[in-house]
Amino acid sequence: MQLTNHHHLPYNPKLVERAKELRKNMTKAERKLWYEYLKIFQYRVHRQRPINQFIVDFYCPELKLVIEIDGDIHNSEDAQNYDLERTQILAGYGLIVIRFTNQEVLSNFEGVCGVIGSLIPPTPLDKGGFDPPNPS
């Protein structure tokens, strides 16, 4: 398999068309997270992004964050082993991988958004830095 380096992360160009299809056919949980939170997130987030031989659900390059929304298919032992291997490979690129189930997104949306938001590094003002007065 030929992998191409795109923005410093390898990806398989053969996955681009499949990623486009997945963007058009998001699950209910993916749509909710995208339209109600990630689309207006303070950092740019890509949907269905090819990385290596995988297509991740959401990817934020500035935070090096991968967000995966898992359906029931991920409950089997084989799927969990695959997900673990996939997470380890992605972590090898310095990426943080977080996973939520469809049910978590749909029934605990604020909690899911809180977990994602907690991964945003604090700005100097958030750390109690000095806010200079407005010179007007």
C-alpha atoms as a PDB file:
ATOM      1  CA  MET A   1       0.000   0.000   0.000  1.00  0.00           C
ATOM      2  CA  GLN A   2       1.366   3.393  -0.953  1.00  0.00           C
ATOM      3  CA  LEU A   3       1.143   5.964   1.794  1.00  0.00           C
ATOM      4  CA  THR A   4       1.467   9.660   1.097  1.00  0.00           C
ATOM      5  CA  ASN A   5       2.624  12.251   3.616  1.00  0.00           C
ATOM      6  CA  HIS A   6      -0.194  14.799   3.882  1.00  0.00           C
ATOM      7  CA  HIS A   7       0.392  17.546   6.439  1.00  0.00           C
ATOM      8  CA  HIS A   8       3.098  15.367   7.997  1.00  0.00           C
ATOM      9  CA  LEU A   9       0.772  12.405   8.569  1.00  0.00           C
ATOM     10  CA  PRO A  10       0.851   9.480   6.164  1.00  0.00           C
ATOM     11  CA  TYR A  11      -2.369   8.531   4.432  1.00  0.00           C
ATOM     12  CA  ASN A  12      -3.504   6.169   1.745  1.00  0.00           C
ATOM     13  CA  PRO A  13      -4.785   8.186  -1.264  1.00  0.00           C
ATOM     14  CA  LYS A  14      -7.080   5.279  -2.129  1.00  0.00           C
ATOM     15  CA  LEU A  15      -9.130   6.148   0.975  1.00  0.00           C
ATOM     16  CA  VAL A  16     -10.042   9.679  -0.155  1.00  0.00           C
ATOM     17  CA  GLU A  17     -13.168   8.635  -2.080  1.00  0.00           C
ATOM     18  CA  ARG A  18     -14.358   6.416   0.771  1.00  0.00           C
ATOM     19  CA  ALA A  19     -13.832   9.301   3.210  1.00  0.00           C
ATOM     20  CA  LYS A  20     -16.014  11.528   1.010  1.00  0.00           C
ATOM     21  CA  GLU A  21     -18.748   8.873   1.050  1.00  0.00           C
ATOM     22  CA  LEU A  22     -18.545   8.624   4.836  1.00  0.00           C
ATOM     23  CA  ARG A  23     -18.839  12.428   5.169  1.00  0.00           C
ATOM     24  CA  LYS A  24     -22.079  12.262   3.177  1.00  0.00           C
ATOM     25  CA  ASN A  25     -23.418   9.377   5.290  1.00  0.00           C
ATOM     26  CA  MET A  26     -22.570  10.254   8.880  1.00  0.00           C
ATOM     27  CA  THR A  27     -24.303   8.430  11.707  1.00  0.00           C
ATOM     28  CA  LYS A  28     -26.855  10.289  13.822  1.00  0.00           C
ATOM     29  CA  ALA A  29     -24.279  10.679  16.615  1.00  0.00           C
ATOM     30  CA  GLU A  30     -21.588  11.930  14.207  1.00  0.00           C
ATOM     31  CA  ARG A  31     -24.035  14.457  12.718  1.00  0.00           C
ATOM     32  CA  LYS A  32     -25.019  15.727  16.166  1.00  0.00           C
ATOM     33  CA  LEU A  33     -21.415  16.132  17.314  1.00  0.00           C
ATOM     34  CA  TRP A  34     -20.421  17.787  14.032  1.00  0.00           C
ATOM     35  CA  TYR A  35     -23.286  20.237  13.547  1.00  0.00           C
ATOM     36  CA  GLU A  36     -23.849  21.136  17.191  1.00  0.00           C
ATOM     37  CA  TYR A  37     -20.240  21.338  18.394  1.00  0.00           C
ATOM     38  CA  LEU A  38     -17.261  20.524  16.189  1.00  0.00           C
ATOM     39  CA  LYS A  39     -18.292  22.585  13.148  1.00  0.00           C
ATOM     40  CA  ILE A  40     -18.119  25.713  15.319  1.00  0.00           C
ATOM     41  CA  PHE A  41     -15.248  24.465  17.511  1.00  0.00           C
ATOM     42  CA  GLN A  42     -12.530  27.060  18.135  1.00  0.00           C
ATOM     43  CA  TYR A  43     -10.036  24.915  16.192  1.00  0.00           C
ATOM     44  CA  ARG A  44     -10.545  23.509  12.717  1.00  0.00           C
ATOM     45  CA  VAL A  45     -11.821  19.945  12.698  1.00  0.00           C
ATOM     46  CA  HIS A  46     -11.858  17.629   9.678  1.00  0.00           C
ATOM     47  CA  ARG A  47     -14.535  14.979   9.221  1.00  0.00           C
ATOM     48  CA  GLN A  48     -13.687  11.454   8.052  1.00  0.00           C
ATOM     49  CA  ARG A  49      -9.984  12.152   7.615  1.00  0.00           C
ATOM     50  CA  PRO A  50      -7.630   9.514   6.140  1.00  0.00           C
ATOM     51  CA  ILE A  51      -4.596   8.953   8.377  1.00  0.00           C
ATOM     52  CA  ASN A  52      -2.275   6.066   7.527  1.00  0.00           C
ATOM     53  CA  GLN A  53      -4.522   3.197   6.396  1.00  0.00           C
ATOM     54  CA  PHE A  54      -7.451   4.410   8.530  1.00  0.00           C
ATOM     55  CA  ILE A  55     -10.263   6.918   8.184  1.00  0.00           C
ATOM     56  CA  VAL A  56     -10.819   8.648  11.511  1.00  0.00           C
ATOM     57  CA  ASP A  57     -14.203  10.177  12.312  1.00  0.00           C
ATOM     58  CA  PHE A  58     -12.882  13.613  13.321  1.00  0.00           C
ATOM     59  CA  TYR A  59      -9.378  15.085  13.337  1.00  0.00           C
ATOM     60  CA  CYS A  60      -8.191  18.402  14.795  1.00  0.00           C
ATOM     61  CA  PRO A  61      -4.632  19.039  13.549  1.00  0.00           C
ATOM     62  CA  GLU A  62      -3.879  21.919  15.945  1.00  0.00           C
ATOM     63  CA  LEU A  63      -4.654  19.766  18.971  1.00  0.00           C
ATOM     64  CA  LYS A  64      -3.371  16.555  17.334  1.00  0.00           C
ATOM     65  CA  LEU A  65      -6.702  15.115  18.403  1.00  0.00           C
ATOM     66  CA  VAL A  66      -8.622  12.213  16.879  1.00  0.00           C
ATOM     67  CA  ILE A  67     -12.227  11.764  17.964  1.00  0.00           C
ATOM     68  CA  GLU A  68     -13.868   8.426  17.222  1.00  0.00           C
ATOM     69  CA  ILE A  69     -17.586   7.711  17.566  1.00  0.00           C
ATOM     70  CA  ASP A  70     -18.150   3.987  17.956  1.00  0.00           C
ATOM     71  CA  GLY A  71     -21.304   2.132  17.010  1.00  0.00           C
ATOM     72  CA  ASP A  72     -22.367  -1.281  18.278  1.00  0.00           C
ATOM     73  CA  ILE A  73     -20.024  -3.021  15.827  1.00  0.00           C
ATOM     74  CA  HIS A  74     -17.128  -1.915  18.059  1.00  0.00           C
ATOM     75  CA  ASN A  75     -18.422  -4.056  20.951  1.00  0.00           C
ATOM     76  CA  SER A  76     -17.031  -7.370  19.674  1.00  0.00           C
ATOM     77  CA  GLU A  77     -13.687  -8.602  20.973  1.00  0.00           C
ATOM     78  CA  ASP A  78     -12.175  -8.553  17.466  1.00  0.00           C
ATOM     79  CA  ALA A  79     -13.320  -4.976  16.914  1.00  0.00           C
ATOM     80  CA  GLN A  80     -11.962  -3.900  20.299  1.00  0.00           C
ATOM     81  CA  ASN A  81      -8.584  -5.480  19.500  1.00  0.00           C
ATOM     82  CA  TYR A  82      -8.560  -3.724  16.117  1.00  0.00           C
ATOM     83  CA  ASP A  83      -9.492  -0.404  17.753  1.00  0.00           C
ATOM     84  CA  LEU A  84      -6.686  -0.830  20.296  1.00  0.00           C
ATOM     85  CA  GLU A  85      -4.113  -1.521  17.571  1.00  0.00           C
ATOM     86  CA  ARG A  86      -5.409   1.406  15.519  1.00  0.00           C
ATOM     87  CA  THR A  87      -5.234   3.709  18.550  1.00  0.00           C
ATOM     88  CA  GLN A  88      -1.642   2.628  19.244  1.00  0.00           C
ATOM     89  CA  ILE A  89      -0.624   3.327  15.632  1.00  0.00           C
ATOM     90  CA  LEU A  90      -2.262   6.768  15.700  1.00  0.00           C
ATOM     91  CA  ALA A  91      -0.684   7.529  19.091  1.00  0.00           C
ATOM     92  CA  GLY A  92       2.660   6.675  17.491  1.00  0.00           C
ATOM     93  CA  TYR A  93       2.192   9.812  15.363  1.00  0.00           C
ATOM     94  CA  GLY A  94       1.785  11.872  18.522  1.00  0.00           C
ATOM     95  CA  LEU A  95      -2.010  11.960  18.233  1.00  0.00           C
ATOM     96  CA  ILE A  96      -4.426  11.861  21.146  1.00  0.00           C
ATOM     97  CA  VAL A  97      -7.271   9.455  20.405  1.00  0.00           C
ATOM     98  CA  ILE A  98     -10.521   9.682  22.332  1.00  0.00           C
ATOM     99  CA  ARG A  99     -13.492   7.408  21.781  1.00  0.00           C
ATOM    100  CA  PHE A 100     -17.170   7.806  22.544  1.00  0.00           C
ATOM    101  CA  THR A 101     -20.051   5.480  21.809  1.00  0.00           C
ATOM    102  CA  ASN A 102     -23.001   6.620  19.723  1.00  0.00           C
ATOM    103  CA  GLN A 103     -25.078   6.318  22.884  1.00  0.00           C
ATOM    104  CA  GLU A 104     -22.744   8.603  24.864  1.00  0.00           C
ATOM    105  CA  VAL A 105     -22.992  11.308  22.198  1.00  0.00           C
ATOM    106  CA  LEU A 106     -26.767  11.046  21.966  1.00  0.00           C
ATOM    107  CA  SER A 107     -27.572  10.741  25.681  1.00  0.00           C
ATOM    108  CA  ASN A 108     -24.723  12.673  27.347  1.00  0.00           C
ATOM    109  CA  PHE A 109     -23.914  15.312  24.745  1.00  0.00           C
ATOM    110  CA  GLU A 110     -22.793  17.979  27.222  1.00  0.00           C
ATOM    111  CA  GLY A 111     -20.490  15.493  28.936  1.00  0.00           C
ATOM    112  CA  VAL A 112     -18.920  14.471  25.612  1.00  0.00           C
ATOM    113  CA  CYS A 113     -18.390  18.125  24.662  1.00  0.00           C
ATOM    114  CA  GLY A 114     -16.895  18.737  28.110  1.00  0.00           C
ATOM    115  CA  VAL A 115     -14.346  15.956  27.622  1.00  0.00           C
ATOM    116  CA  ILE A 116     -13.365  17.338  24.211  1.00  0.00           C
ATOM    117  CA  GLY A 117     -13.219  20.890  25.564  1.00  0.00           C
ATOM    118  CA  SER A 118     -11.005  19.772  28.444  1.00  0.00           C
ATOM    119  CA  LEU A 119      -8.305  18.880  25.903  1.00  0.00           C
ATOM    120  CA  ILE A 120      -7.932  22.490  24.783  1.00  0.00           C
ATOM    121  CA  PRO A 121      -4.735  23.919  26.278  1.00  0.00           C
ATOM    122  CA  PRO A 122      -5.313  26.936  28.524  1.00  0.00           C
ATOM    123  CA  THR A 123      -4.382  30.348  27.173  1.00  0.00           C
ATOM    124  CA  PRO A 124      -2.160  32.631  29.292  1.00  0.00           C
ATOM    125  CA  LEU A 125      -5.291  34.503  30.474  1.00  0.00           C
ATOM    126  CA  ASP A 126      -6.860  31.203  31.567  1.00  0.00           C
ATOM    127  CA  LYS A 127      -3.792  30.666  33.768  1.00  0.00           C
ATOM    128  CA  GLY A 128      -4.383  33.956  35.594  1.00  0.00           C
ATOM    129  CA  GLY A 129      -2.203  36.026  33.283  1.00  0.00           C
ATOM    130  CA  PHE A 130      -2.364  39.813  33.075  1.00  0.00           C
ATOM    131  CA  ASP A 131      -5.135  41.309  30.932  1.00  0.00           C
ATOM    132  CA  PRO A 132      -3.843  44.727  29.818  1.00  0.00           C
ATOM    133  CA  PRO A 133      -6.336  47.604  30.044  1.00  0.00           C
ATOM    134  CA  ASN A 134      -8.006  48.785  26.850  1.00  0.00           C
ATOM    135  CA  PRO A 135      -6.165  51.980  25.713  1.00  0.00           C
ATOM    136  CA  SER A 136      -9.392  53.703  24.513  1.00  0.00           C
END
